[in-house]
N, C-alpha and C. Protein backbone atom coordinates (compact mmCIF):
# COMPACT_ATOMS: atom_id res chain seq x y z
N MET A 1 120.66 102.35 66.06
CA MET A 1 119.51 101.95 66.53
C MET A 1 118.88 102.88 67.70
N CYS A 2 117.63 103.28 67.42
CA CYS A 2 117.34 103.95 68.71
C CYS A 2 115.96 102.96 69.29
N ARG A 3 116.28 102.76 70.60
CA ARG A 3 115.30 102.01 71.50
C ARG A 3 114.59 102.75 72.40
N ILE A 4 113.27 102.45 72.18
CA ILE A 4 112.48 103.38 73.02
C ILE A 4 112.24 102.57 74.45
N LEU A 5 112.57 102.87 75.41
CA LEU A 5 112.31 102.34 76.59
C LEU A 5 111.34 102.80 77.35
N THR A 6 109.98 102.35 77.48
CA THR A 6 108.75 102.81 78.02
C THR A 6 108.93 102.46 79.70
N GLN A 7 108.03 103.27 80.54
CA GLN A 7 107.91 102.77 81.95
C GLN A 7 107.53 101.15 81.79
N THR A 8 107.05 100.98 81.27
CA THR A 8 106.51 99.36 81.27
C THR A 8 107.58 98.53 81.26
N THR A 9 108.55 98.84 80.09
CA THR A 9 109.71 98.18 79.80
C THR A 9 110.69 98.35 80.70
N ILE A 10 110.76 99.55 81.40
CA ILE A 10 111.93 99.60 82.66
C ILE A 10 111.22 98.90 83.69
N ARG A 11 110.07 98.72 84.17
CA ARG A 11 109.57 97.95 85.09
C ARG A 11 109.88 96.45 85.06
N LYS A 12 109.82 95.97 83.91
CA LYS A 12 109.99 94.68 83.59
C LYS A 12 111.41 94.15 84.00
N ALA A 13 112.24 95.01 83.36
CA ALA A 13 113.91 95.15 83.65
C ALA A 13 114.24 94.97 84.89
N GLU A 14 113.59 96.02 85.76
CA GLU A 14 114.06 96.04 87.17
C GLU A 14 113.67 94.72 87.86
N TRP A 15 112.14 94.24 87.22
CA TRP A 15 111.82 92.81 88.01
C TRP A 15 112.60 91.84 87.71
N LYS A 16 112.99 91.53 86.32
CA LYS A 16 113.88 90.48 86.12
C LYS A 16 115.15 90.55 86.84
N ALA A 17 115.75 91.66 86.96
CA ALA A 17 117.20 91.89 87.57
C ALA A 17 117.05 91.31 88.92
N GLU A 18 116.09 91.85 89.94
CA GLU A 18 115.76 91.41 91.11
C GLU A 18 115.22 89.80 91.46
N HIS A 19 114.29 89.10 90.37
CA HIS A 19 113.81 88.01 90.76
C HIS A 19 114.44 86.98 89.80
N GLY A 20 114.86 87.26 88.70
CA GLY A 20 115.58 86.16 87.83
C GLY A 20 114.43 85.68 87.15
N THR A 21 113.96 84.57 87.52
CA THR A 21 112.82 83.73 86.88
C THR A 21 111.44 84.19 87.35
N TYR A 22 110.56 84.58 86.35
CA TYR A 22 109.27 84.99 86.68
C TYR A 22 108.61 83.96 87.67
N ARG A 23 108.73 82.77 87.02
CA ARG A 23 107.79 81.54 87.67
C ARG A 23 107.92 81.38 89.11
N SER A 24 109.29 81.80 89.36
CA SER A 24 109.78 81.60 90.63
C SER A 24 109.19 82.63 91.74
N SER A 25 108.52 83.60 91.28
CA SER A 25 108.08 84.80 92.19
C SER A 25 106.61 84.31 93.06
N PRO A 26 106.70 84.65 94.19
CA PRO A 26 105.43 84.33 94.83
C PRO A 26 104.37 84.96 94.36
N TRP A 27 104.62 86.41 93.53
CA TRP A 27 103.62 87.07 93.26
C TRP A 27 103.09 86.87 91.62
N ALA A 28 103.69 85.78 90.95
CA ALA A 28 103.57 85.85 89.62
C ALA A 28 101.88 84.99 89.35
N ILE A 29 101.13 85.40 88.44
CA ILE A 29 99.96 84.74 88.17
C ILE A 29 99.89 84.46 86.69
N SER A 30 99.62 83.17 86.45
CA SER A 30 99.69 82.40 85.14
C SER A 30 98.32 83.09 84.28
N VAL A 31 98.44 84.00 83.39
CA VAL A 31 97.28 84.37 82.46
C VAL A 31 97.43 84.03 81.33
N ALA A 32 98.18 83.18 80.73
CA ALA A 32 98.36 82.65 79.44
C ALA A 32 97.02 82.32 78.70
N GLN A 33 96.06 81.87 79.49
CA GLN A 33 94.91 81.26 78.89
C GLN A 33 93.79 82.43 78.69
N VAL A 34 93.99 83.64 79.15
CA VAL A 34 93.14 84.69 78.94
C VAL A 34 93.97 85.81 78.12
N ALA A 35 95.14 85.78 77.82
CA ALA A 35 95.98 86.70 77.28
C ALA A 35 95.66 86.73 75.86
N SER A 36 95.38 88.00 75.31
CA SER A 36 95.19 88.06 73.66
C SER A 36 94.08 87.56 73.28
N ARG A 37 93.01 87.20 74.07
CA ARG A 37 91.85 86.59 73.76
C ARG A 37 90.71 87.44 74.32
N ALA A 38 90.37 88.55 73.52
CA ALA A 38 89.31 89.69 74.21
C ALA A 38 88.24 88.83 74.51
N GLY A 39 87.56 89.18 75.91
CA GLY A 39 86.27 88.82 76.12
C GLY A 39 86.43 87.66 77.32
N GLN A 40 87.60 87.53 77.27
CA GLN A 40 88.06 86.06 78.37
C GLN A 40 88.21 86.88 79.76
N SER A 41 88.10 85.90 80.43
CA SER A 41 88.41 86.14 82.29
C SER A 41 88.67 85.05 82.98
N LYS A 42 89.76 85.66 84.03
CA LYS A 42 90.10 84.65 84.73
C LYS A 42 89.99 85.06 86.38
N GLU A 43 89.43 84.37 87.28
CA GLU A 43 88.99 84.57 88.30
C GLU A 43 90.16 84.57 89.65
N ILE A 44 90.48 85.23 90.33
CA ILE A 44 91.55 85.08 91.22
C ILE A 44 91.09 85.38 92.82
N ASP A 45 91.42 84.27 93.48
CA ASP A 45 90.82 84.24 94.84
C ASP A 45 92.02 83.51 95.53
N ALA A 46 93.19 84.30 96.01
CA ALA A 46 94.29 83.56 96.42
C ALA A 46 94.94 84.53 97.57
N THR A 47 95.83 83.95 98.35
CA THR A 47 96.66 84.93 99.37
C THR A 47 98.05 84.83 98.91
N PHE A 48 98.87 85.80 99.20
CA PHE A 48 100.29 86.13 98.54
C PHE A 48 100.79 86.90 100.01
N PRO A 49 102.14 86.64 99.99
CA PRO A 49 102.94 87.30 101.01
C PRO A 49 103.01 88.83 100.56
N ALA A 50 102.99 89.50 101.89
CA ALA A 50 102.91 90.96 101.66
C ALA A 50 104.35 91.44 101.15
N PRO A 51 104.79 92.08 100.18
CA PRO A 51 106.25 92.77 99.62
C PRO A 51 106.49 93.51 100.92
N SER A 52 107.92 93.79 100.80
CA SER A 52 108.51 94.49 101.67
C SER A 52 108.26 96.26 101.47
N GLY A 53 108.47 97.08 102.24
CA GLY A 53 108.27 98.55 101.95
C GLY A 53 106.83 99.18 102.20
N ILE A 54 106.23 98.43 102.72
CA ILE A 54 104.83 98.80 102.77
C ILE A 54 104.67 99.55 104.37
N GLY A 55 104.68 100.92 104.31
CA GLY A 55 104.86 101.47 105.72
C GLY A 55 105.94 101.45 106.39
N ASP A 56 105.98 101.45 107.78
CA ASP A 56 107.22 101.58 108.74
C ASP A 56 106.75 100.94 110.00
N GLU A 57 107.34 101.15 110.98
CA GLU A 57 107.07 100.48 112.33
C GLU A 57 105.70 101.20 113.07
N ILE A 58 105.37 102.54 112.51
CA ILE A 58 104.55 103.12 113.23
C ILE A 58 103.10 102.66 112.62
N VAL A 59 102.81 102.69 111.21
CA VAL A 59 101.78 102.13 110.63
C VAL A 59 102.38 101.38 109.27
N GLY A 60 101.82 100.28 109.01
CA GLY A 60 102.15 99.48 108.05
C GLY A 60 101.76 98.00 107.84
N VAL A 61 102.31 97.25 106.90
CA VAL A 61 101.89 95.95 106.71
C VAL A 61 103.33 95.44 107.19
N GLU A 62 103.35 94.30 107.82
CA GLU A 62 104.52 93.37 107.84
C GLU A 62 104.79 92.54 106.78
N GLU A 63 106.16 92.31 106.48
CA GLU A 63 106.67 91.82 105.26
C GLU A 63 106.14 90.28 105.34
N GLY A 64 105.62 89.76 104.36
CA GLY A 64 105.71 88.21 104.45
C GLY A 64 104.24 88.22 105.27
N ALA A 65 103.48 88.87 105.69
CA ALA A 65 102.10 88.55 106.08
C ALA A 65 101.17 88.51 104.99
N ASP A 66 100.15 87.56 105.11
CA ASP A 66 98.80 87.38 104.36
C ASP A 66 98.18 88.52 103.72
N VAL A 67 98.27 88.43 102.56
CA VAL A 67 97.29 89.52 101.79
C VAL A 67 96.69 88.52 101.02
N THR A 68 95.18 89.09 101.00
CA THR A 68 94.33 88.15 100.40
C THR A 68 93.63 89.08 99.07
N VAL A 69 93.85 88.27 97.81
CA VAL A 69 93.18 89.01 96.86
C VAL A 69 92.31 88.30 96.14
N VAL A 70 91.15 88.90 95.92
CA VAL A 70 89.79 88.43 95.28
C VAL A 70 89.50 89.43 94.04
N GLY A 71 89.45 88.76 93.00
CA GLY A 71 89.06 89.64 91.89
C GLY A 71 89.33 88.98 90.73
N SER A 72 89.67 89.45 89.40
CA SER A 72 89.76 88.86 88.04
C SER A 72 90.57 89.58 87.23
N PHE A 73 91.34 88.96 86.23
CA PHE A 73 91.75 89.36 85.17
C PHE A 73 90.73 89.20 83.82
N ASP A 74 90.37 90.65 83.29
CA ASP A 74 89.53 90.78 82.01
C ASP A 74 90.12 91.07 80.68
N SER A 75 90.20 90.40 79.66
CA SER A 75 91.13 90.30 78.52
C SER A 75 90.21 91.39 77.82
N ILE A 76 91.04 92.29 77.04
CA ILE A 76 90.39 93.31 76.03
C ILE A 76 91.48 93.33 75.05
N VAL A 77 91.16 94.22 74.26
CA VAL A 77 91.91 94.19 73.05
C VAL A 77 93.48 94.19 73.22
N ASP A 78 93.76 95.45 74.16
CA ASP A 78 95.38 95.89 74.13
C ASP A 78 95.82 95.34 75.32
N GLY A 79 95.06 94.54 76.32
CA GLY A 79 95.78 94.22 77.52
C GLY A 79 94.63 93.51 78.46
N LEU A 80 95.12 93.35 79.93
CA LEU A 80 94.31 92.60 80.85
C LEU A 80 93.92 93.94 81.73
N ILE A 81 92.59 93.94 82.24
CA ILE A 81 92.01 94.78 83.16
C ILE A 81 92.13 94.06 84.68
N PHE A 82 92.70 94.46 85.53
CA PHE A 82 92.56 93.56 86.75
C PHE A 82 91.70 94.44 87.64
N ASN A 83 90.80 93.72 88.20
CA ASN A 83 89.98 94.49 89.32
C ASN A 83 89.80 93.51 90.44
N ALA A 84 90.43 94.10 91.58
CA ALA A 84 90.32 93.19 92.80
C ALA A 84 90.19 93.94 94.12
N ARG A 85 89.86 93.00 95.33
CA ARG A 85 89.72 93.33 96.52
C ARG A 85 90.99 93.05 97.17
N ILE A 86 91.67 93.96 97.85
CA ILE A 86 92.87 93.47 98.45
C ILE A 86 92.72 93.56 100.11
N SER A 87 92.89 92.63 100.89
CA SER A 87 92.93 92.69 102.49
C SER A 87 94.21 92.41 102.82
N ALA A 88 94.60 93.20 104.03
CA ALA A 88 95.90 92.88 104.46
C ALA A 88 95.82 93.38 105.95
N PRO A 89 96.61 92.78 106.56
CA PRO A 89 96.55 92.94 108.27
C PRO A 89 97.56 94.26 108.54
N VAL A 90 97.22 95.32 109.05
CA VAL A 90 97.91 96.66 109.07
C VAL A 90 97.96 96.63 110.58
N HIS A 91 99.25 97.20 110.83
CA HIS A 91 99.30 97.46 112.29
C HIS A 91 99.91 98.91 112.39
N ALA A 92 98.93 99.61 113.60
CA ALA A 92 99.16 101.11 113.50
C ALA A 92 99.30 101.41 114.94
N GLU A 93 99.08 102.48 115.21
CA GLU A 93 99.26 103.15 116.86
C GLU A 93 98.32 104.43 116.87
N CYS A 94 97.11 104.11 117.60
CA CYS A 94 96.15 105.34 117.53
C CYS A 94 96.97 106.38 117.84
N THR A 95 96.65 107.66 117.04
CA THR A 95 97.15 108.95 117.36
C THR A 95 96.48 109.71 118.33
N ARG A 96 95.52 109.04 119.07
CA ARG A 96 94.98 109.83 120.28
C ARG A 96 95.23 109.10 121.61
N CYS A 97 95.20 107.70 121.58
CA CYS A 97 95.49 107.36 122.97
C CYS A 97 96.80 106.53 122.92
N LEU A 98 97.32 106.34 121.68
CA LEU A 98 98.62 105.59 121.36
C LEU A 98 98.55 103.89 121.63
N LYS A 99 97.31 103.69 121.68
CA LYS A 99 97.23 102.20 122.06
C LYS A 99 97.25 101.48 120.34
N PRO A 100 98.02 100.12 120.51
CA PRO A 100 98.30 99.69 119.25
C PRO A 100 97.03 98.88 118.52
N ILE A 101 97.20 99.10 117.26
CA ILE A 101 96.16 98.81 116.12
C ILE A 101 96.51 97.53 115.56
N LYS A 102 95.73 96.55 115.37
CA LYS A 102 95.77 95.57 114.61
C LYS A 102 94.64 95.11 113.92
N ARG A 103 94.38 95.65 112.43
CA ARG A 103 93.04 95.14 112.04
C ARG A 103 93.21 94.86 110.51
N ASP A 104 92.30 94.00 109.82
CA ASP A 104 92.53 94.07 108.30
C ASP A 104 92.23 95.23 107.78
N TRP A 105 92.98 95.76 106.70
CA TRP A 105 92.68 96.90 105.80
C TRP A 105 92.23 96.39 104.38
N THR A 106 91.02 96.67 104.02
CA THR A 106 90.67 96.17 102.62
C THR A 106 90.38 97.43 101.92
N VAL A 107 91.22 97.34 100.39
CA VAL A 107 91.02 98.44 99.35
C VAL A 107 90.63 97.54 98.07
N ASN A 108 90.00 98.52 97.32
CA ASN A 108 89.93 98.18 95.58
C ASN A 108 90.60 98.74 95.01
N VAL A 109 90.90 98.01 93.86
CA VAL A 109 91.91 98.48 92.90
C VAL A 109 91.52 98.13 91.53
N THR A 110 91.78 98.81 90.56
CA THR A 110 91.74 98.63 89.13
C THR A 110 92.95 98.92 88.42
N SER A 111 93.67 98.15 87.78
CA SER A 111 95.04 98.07 87.17
C SER A 111 94.77 97.55 85.95
N PHE A 112 95.67 98.22 84.88
CA PHE A 112 95.74 97.59 83.57
C PHE A 112 97.42 96.73 83.57
N PHE A 113 97.30 95.78 82.71
CA PHE A 113 98.50 94.98 82.20
C PHE A 113 98.28 95.00 80.83
N PRO A 114 99.26 96.22 80.17
CA PRO A 114 98.96 96.13 78.51
C PRO A 114 99.96 95.06 78.09
N TYR A 115 99.31 94.64 76.73
CA TYR A 115 100.28 93.81 75.91
C TYR A 115 101.50 94.31 75.53
N GLU A 116 102.27 93.70 75.24
CA GLU A 116 103.72 94.27 74.65
C GLU A 116 103.50 94.97 73.11
N ASP A 117 104.08 96.04 73.26
CA ASP A 117 103.83 96.91 72.10
C ASP A 117 105.15 96.21 71.18
N LYS A 118 104.69 95.90 70.12
CA LYS A 118 105.71 95.49 68.97
C LYS A 118 106.62 96.43 68.46
N SER A 119 105.89 97.66 68.37
CA SER A 119 106.67 98.67 67.42
C SER A 119 107.36 99.55 68.63
N ALA A 120 107.60 99.19 70.00
CA ALA A 120 108.26 100.04 71.00
C ALA A 120 109.68 100.04 70.46
N SER A 121 110.18 98.91 69.81
CA SER A 121 111.58 99.00 69.00
C SER A 121 111.66 99.59 67.86
N VAL A 122 112.36 100.80 67.61
CA VAL A 122 112.26 101.64 66.40
C VAL A 122 113.53 101.59 65.92
N ALA A 123 113.76 101.12 64.59
CA ALA A 123 115.27 101.03 64.09
C ALA A 123 115.17 102.29 63.14
N SER A 124 116.41 103.00 63.44
CA SER A 124 116.67 104.26 62.64
C SER A 124 117.90 103.87 61.40
N GLY A 125 117.94 104.50 60.60
CA GLY A 125 118.88 104.63 59.46
C GLY A 125 118.63 103.66 58.63
N LYS A 126 119.48 103.28 57.62
CA LYS A 126 119.33 102.21 56.79
C LYS A 126 120.48 101.34 56.45
N GLY A 127 120.35 100.32 55.72
CA GLY A 127 121.55 99.37 55.50
C GLY A 127 121.80 98.74 56.54
N GLY A 128 120.85 98.37 57.64
CA GLY A 128 121.44 97.17 58.73
C GLY A 128 122.08 97.76 59.69
N LYS A 129 122.72 97.04 60.42
CA LYS A 129 123.70 97.09 61.55
C LYS A 129 124.68 98.13 61.02
N ASN A 130 125.12 98.06 59.80
CA ASN A 130 126.33 98.74 59.31
C ASN A 130 125.48 99.79 58.30
N GLY A 131 125.16 101.02 58.53
CA GLY A 131 124.56 101.71 57.62
C GLY A 131 125.18 102.08 56.48
N LYS A 132 124.70 102.96 55.56
CA LYS A 132 125.25 103.24 54.28
C LYS A 132 126.43 103.97 54.45
N GLY A 133 127.42 103.60 53.61
CA GLY A 133 128.61 104.18 54.05
C GLY A 133 129.51 103.64 54.74
N GLY A 134 129.26 102.55 55.36
CA GLY A 134 129.93 101.81 56.60
C GLY A 134 129.77 102.53 57.97
N VAL A 135 129.12 103.31 58.27
CA VAL A 135 128.97 103.93 59.27
C VAL A 135 128.06 103.34 60.41
N LYS A 136 128.52 102.70 61.34
CA LYS A 136 128.01 101.75 62.26
C LYS A 136 127.00 102.64 63.07
N GLU A 137 125.88 102.27 63.28
CA GLU A 137 124.78 102.69 63.88
C GLU A 137 124.93 102.66 65.62
N GLU A 138 124.83 103.67 66.22
CA GLU A 138 124.78 103.57 67.88
C GLU A 138 123.41 103.29 68.42
N GLU A 139 123.41 102.31 69.45
CA GLU A 139 121.99 102.09 70.06
C GLU A 139 122.03 103.36 71.19
N VAL A 140 120.73 103.69 70.95
CA VAL A 140 120.35 104.93 71.95
C VAL A 140 119.21 104.44 72.66
N ASP A 141 119.36 104.64 74.10
CA ASP A 141 117.85 104.38 74.63
C ASP A 141 117.35 105.82 75.08
N ILE A 142 116.11 105.52 74.47
CA ILE A 142 115.23 106.82 75.02
C ILE A 142 113.98 106.43 75.92
N ILE A 143 114.19 107.17 77.12
CA ILE A 143 113.04 106.83 77.88
C ILE A 143 111.88 107.42 77.91
N ALA A 144 110.63 106.90 77.30
CA ALA A 144 109.47 107.47 77.21
C ALA A 144 108.92 108.49 78.16
N GLY A 145 108.04 109.28 77.77
CA GLY A 145 107.53 110.34 78.86
C GLY A 145 106.52 109.65 79.85
N GLU A 146 106.01 110.57 80.85
CA GLU A 146 105.32 109.91 81.81
C GLU A 146 103.89 109.87 81.27
N ASP A 147 103.62 109.56 80.01
CA ASP A 147 102.35 109.38 79.48
C ASP A 147 101.51 108.21 79.87
N GLU A 148 102.33 107.55 80.37
CA GLU A 148 101.84 106.00 80.70
C GLU A 148 100.95 106.21 82.21
N SER A 149 100.05 105.35 82.25
CA SER A 149 99.49 105.33 83.62
C SER A 149 100.31 104.91 84.75
N GLU A 150 100.20 105.50 85.67
CA GLU A 150 101.01 105.08 87.20
C GLU A 150 100.22 103.42 87.60
N ASP A 151 99.05 103.48 87.08
CA ASP A 151 98.29 102.13 87.53
C ASP A 151 98.54 101.31 85.92
N SER A 152 99.27 101.03 85.60
CA SER A 152 99.90 100.40 84.74
C SER A 152 101.04 99.55 84.92
N TYR A 153 100.84 98.17 84.78
CA TYR A 153 102.03 97.11 85.18
C TYR A 153 102.36 96.06 83.96
N PRO A 154 103.64 95.68 83.98
CA PRO A 154 103.99 94.85 82.53
C PRO A 154 103.19 93.40 82.85
N LEU A 155 103.13 92.91 81.68
CA LEU A 155 103.19 91.39 81.68
C LEU A 155 104.28 90.74 81.30
N LEU A 156 104.45 89.50 81.70
CA LEU A 156 105.91 89.19 81.66
C LEU A 156 105.73 87.69 80.74
N GLU A 157 106.90 87.43 80.12
CA GLU A 157 107.15 86.13 79.14
C GLU A 157 106.35 86.38 78.06
N GLY A 158 106.09 87.30 77.17
CA GLY A 158 105.12 87.69 76.26
C GLY A 158 103.81 87.51 76.33
N GLY A 159 103.58 87.81 77.66
CA GLY A 159 102.10 87.89 78.21
C GLY A 159 101.36 86.74 78.91
N SER A 160 102.57 85.69 79.29
CA SER A 160 102.01 84.62 79.99
C SER A 160 101.87 84.76 81.39
N TRP A 161 102.47 85.73 82.11
CA TRP A 161 102.43 85.90 83.48
C TRP A 161 102.18 87.22 83.86
N ALA A 162 101.56 87.67 84.99
CA ALA A 162 101.22 88.81 85.41
C ALA A 162 101.83 88.99 87.05
N ASP A 163 102.71 89.71 87.09
CA ASP A 163 103.23 89.74 88.54
C ASP A 163 102.66 90.86 89.42
N ILE A 164 102.07 90.64 90.34
CA ILE A 164 101.40 91.67 91.26
C ILE A 164 102.35 92.50 92.58
N GLU A 165 103.31 91.98 92.51
CA GLU A 165 104.12 92.32 93.44
C GLU A 165 104.00 93.93 93.85
N THR A 166 104.43 94.84 92.76
CA THR A 166 104.55 96.21 92.58
C THR A 166 103.18 96.78 92.85
N LEU A 167 102.19 95.94 92.31
CA LEU A 167 100.75 96.49 92.42
C LEU A 167 100.49 96.61 93.89
N LEU A 168 100.75 95.25 94.74
CA LEU A 168 100.17 95.14 95.94
C LEU A 168 101.13 96.31 96.86
N ARG A 169 102.21 96.35 96.63
CA ARG A 169 102.76 97.57 97.40
C ARG A 169 102.42 98.94 96.98
N ASP A 170 102.36 99.31 95.86
CA ASP A 170 101.64 100.70 95.50
C ASP A 170 100.49 100.85 95.93
N THR A 171 99.46 100.05 96.04
CA THR A 171 98.12 100.05 96.37
C THR A 171 97.85 100.14 97.78
N LEU A 172 98.54 99.53 98.48
CA LEU A 172 98.70 99.56 100.11
C LEU A 172 99.18 100.38 100.57
N VAL A 173 100.57 100.93 100.10
CA VAL A 173 101.06 102.20 100.56
C VAL A 173 100.01 103.38 100.53
N GLU A 174 99.55 103.65 99.20
CA GLU A 174 98.66 104.77 99.24
C GLU A 174 97.31 104.83 100.21
N GLU A 175 97.09 103.67 100.36
CA GLU A 175 95.90 103.78 101.00
C GLU A 175 96.08 103.37 102.69
N LEU A 176 97.16 103.40 103.08
CA LEU A 176 97.75 103.24 104.50
C LEU A 176 96.88 104.39 105.45
N PRO A 177 96.38 104.36 106.35
CA PRO A 177 95.77 105.68 107.16
C PRO A 177 96.86 106.59 107.53
N LEU A 178 96.40 107.71 107.30
CA LEU A 178 97.56 109.01 107.93
C LEU A 178 97.35 109.02 109.46
N GLN A 179 95.98 109.19 109.89
CA GLN A 179 95.93 109.36 111.33
C GLN A 179 94.93 107.97 111.99
N PRO A 180 95.61 107.19 112.28
CA PRO A 180 94.90 105.97 112.54
C PRO A 180 94.17 106.18 113.87
N LEU A 181 92.92 105.73 114.14
CA LEU A 181 91.93 105.75 115.29
C LEU A 181 92.08 104.27 115.62
N CYS A 182 91.77 104.14 117.29
CA CYS A 182 91.69 102.79 117.95
C CYS A 182 89.81 102.50 117.33
N LYS A 183 89.26 103.73 117.47
CA LYS A 183 87.66 103.89 117.42
C LYS A 183 87.43 105.20 116.76
N PRO A 184 86.58 105.62 116.34
CA PRO A 184 86.28 107.07 115.57
C PRO A 184 86.04 107.70 116.84
N ASP A 185 85.31 107.40 118.05
CA ASP A 185 85.41 108.24 119.17
C ASP A 185 86.27 108.41 120.16
N CYS A 186 87.49 107.99 119.82
CA CYS A 186 88.57 107.65 120.80
C CYS A 186 88.60 108.95 121.77
N LEU A 187 88.77 109.20 123.07
CA LEU A 187 88.77 110.19 123.69
C LEU A 187 90.28 110.64 123.98
N GLY A 188 91.13 109.78 123.66
CA GLY A 188 92.70 110.07 123.78
C GLY A 188 93.29 110.14 125.27
N LEU A 189 93.94 110.65 125.40
CA LEU A 189 94.72 110.78 126.67
C LEU A 189 94.74 111.97 127.39
N CYS A 190 94.57 112.16 128.90
CA CYS A 190 94.73 113.32 129.72
C CYS A 190 95.74 114.44 129.27
N SER A 191 95.61 115.40 128.94
CA SER A 191 96.70 116.53 128.74
C SER A 191 97.50 116.89 130.00
N GLN A 192 96.96 116.42 131.21
CA GLN A 192 97.62 116.81 132.67
C GLN A 192 98.67 115.70 132.98
N CYS A 193 98.08 114.26 133.09
CA CYS A 193 98.75 113.25 133.70
C CYS A 193 98.88 112.23 132.58
N GLY A 194 98.06 112.02 131.68
CA GLY A 194 98.39 110.97 130.47
C GLY A 194 97.37 109.86 130.78
N ALA A 195 96.31 110.04 131.55
CA ALA A 195 95.37 108.97 131.81
C ALA A 195 94.72 108.61 130.55
N ASP A 196 94.31 107.24 130.51
CA ASP A 196 93.43 107.10 129.31
C ASP A 196 91.87 107.49 129.44
N LEU A 197 91.61 108.69 128.83
CA LEU A 197 90.12 109.10 128.92
C LEU A 197 88.87 108.16 128.31
N ASN A 198 89.36 106.84 127.65
CA ASN A 198 88.57 105.98 127.35
C ASN A 198 88.03 105.18 128.40
N GLU A 199 89.05 104.98 129.08
CA GLU A 199 88.42 104.13 130.44
C GLU A 199 88.00 104.81 131.56
N ASP A 200 88.33 106.08 131.60
CA ASP A 200 87.56 107.17 132.77
C ASP A 200 86.93 108.54 132.17
N PRO A 201 86.01 108.58 131.41
CA PRO A 201 85.76 109.42 130.59
C PRO A 201 85.58 110.72 131.51
N ASP A 202 84.98 110.44 132.93
CA ASP A 202 84.75 111.66 133.73
C ASP A 202 86.19 112.13 134.41
N HIS A 203 87.29 111.85 134.25
CA HIS A 203 88.55 112.01 134.62
C HIS A 203 88.89 113.57 134.47
N HIS A 204 89.12 114.23 135.32
CA HIS A 204 89.53 115.72 135.05
C HIS A 204 90.31 116.38 136.23
N HIS A 205 91.09 117.22 136.33
CA HIS A 205 91.82 117.86 137.23
C HIS A 205 91.21 119.27 137.50
N ASP A 206 91.22 119.78 139.10
CA ASP A 206 90.64 121.05 139.39
C ASP A 206 91.80 121.84 139.26
N VAL A 207 91.91 122.74 138.19
CA VAL A 207 93.17 123.41 138.02
C VAL A 207 92.64 125.08 138.31
N THR A 208 93.48 125.59 139.12
CA THR A 208 93.33 127.08 139.65
C THR A 208 94.04 127.83 138.72
N ASP A 209 93.48 128.84 138.39
CA ASP A 209 94.28 129.85 137.58
C ASP A 209 95.45 130.53 138.47
N ILE A 210 96.75 130.48 137.77
CA ILE A 210 97.80 131.02 138.54
C ILE A 210 97.56 132.52 138.87
N ARG A 211 96.70 133.14 138.18
CA ARG A 211 96.59 134.38 138.43
C ARG A 211 95.62 134.85 139.70
N PHE A 212 94.90 133.84 140.17
CA PHE A 212 94.10 133.73 141.42
C PHE A 212 94.80 133.17 142.53
N ALA A 213 96.12 132.52 142.41
CA ALA A 213 96.71 131.71 143.34
C ALA A 213 96.65 132.47 144.65
N ALA A 214 97.20 133.40 144.44
CA ALA A 214 97.50 134.31 145.76
C ALA A 214 96.30 134.97 146.27
N LEU A 215 95.04 134.96 145.92
CA LEU A 215 94.02 135.34 146.25
C LEU A 215 93.28 134.30 146.93
N GLU A 216 93.68 132.99 146.57
CA GLU A 216 93.10 131.87 147.09
C GLU A 216 93.72 131.65 148.32
N GLY A 217 95.20 131.95 148.35
CA GLY A 217 95.98 131.83 149.82
C GLY A 217 95.40 132.89 150.90
N LEU A 218 95.07 133.85 150.22
CA LEU A 218 94.50 135.24 151.29
C LEU A 218 93.35 134.88 151.95
N LYS A 219 92.38 134.18 150.90
CA LYS A 219 91.00 133.74 151.31
C LYS A 219 91.12 132.62 152.64
N ALA A 220 92.22 131.86 152.31
CA ALA A 220 92.20 130.78 153.37
C ALA A 220 92.82 131.14 154.50
N ARG A 221 93.68 132.11 154.59
CA ARG A 221 94.03 132.89 155.78
C ARG A 221 93.16 133.55 156.54
N LEU A 222 92.22 134.34 155.66
CA LEU A 222 91.12 135.10 156.34
C LEU A 222 90.29 134.33 157.05
N GLU A 223 89.81 133.05 156.32
CA GLU A 223 88.89 131.88 156.62
C GLU A 223 89.13 131.30 158.04
N GLY A 224 90.63 131.59 158.22
CA GLY A 224 91.31 130.40 159.40
C GLY A 224 91.63 131.41 160.53
N ASN A 225 91.26 132.58 160.34
CA ASN A 225 91.36 133.70 161.51
C ASN A 225 89.97 133.90 162.25
N GLU A 226 88.88 133.63 161.19
CA GLU A 226 87.70 133.68 161.79
C GLU A 226 87.24 132.83 162.80
């Protein structure tokens, strides 16, 4: 028998191996009332713990921090469309003045939760488990290509639950600022002494060109002899 493993199937298996029971997950949302009923919608306005692996010590979201999700699951013929606004507290360090930054980061997301494809499992050969001629069929796993959208996530327990842990991680990691600033017009630090130019915008150093340093010394001696 040939069993086709789509990316959705793989994600589902990985999730179950890690968490075990769907309902025990803090990121699981019941969608049984709208699943397979095109035109139905379920509003979401809830707070979830931030998954692990969002950024690092320099810029990221601390594991377990409150992540607010406001949006809806909208049922269509072949799955659920999830539209939401996600807000999470991001910690970072200004790339100019090195001050710590803590602020809420808000992103919009649209993702697809497809219904399970009943035709995904394809039986090959004839005669059942033991094919014609007494030859036992071998079960082969074939991983489907990358034609599935990266913004597609599996529904669990026959479409009754949607788990948004991976969705939260993927969305927030992609939207983390690459060069965070404490403010758009941050002046940064003095290249000579490291002073914060935001606190003293007029701060400067009188620097003499080393090529003229000897002439400055000669000028001082001549003026002293006068």
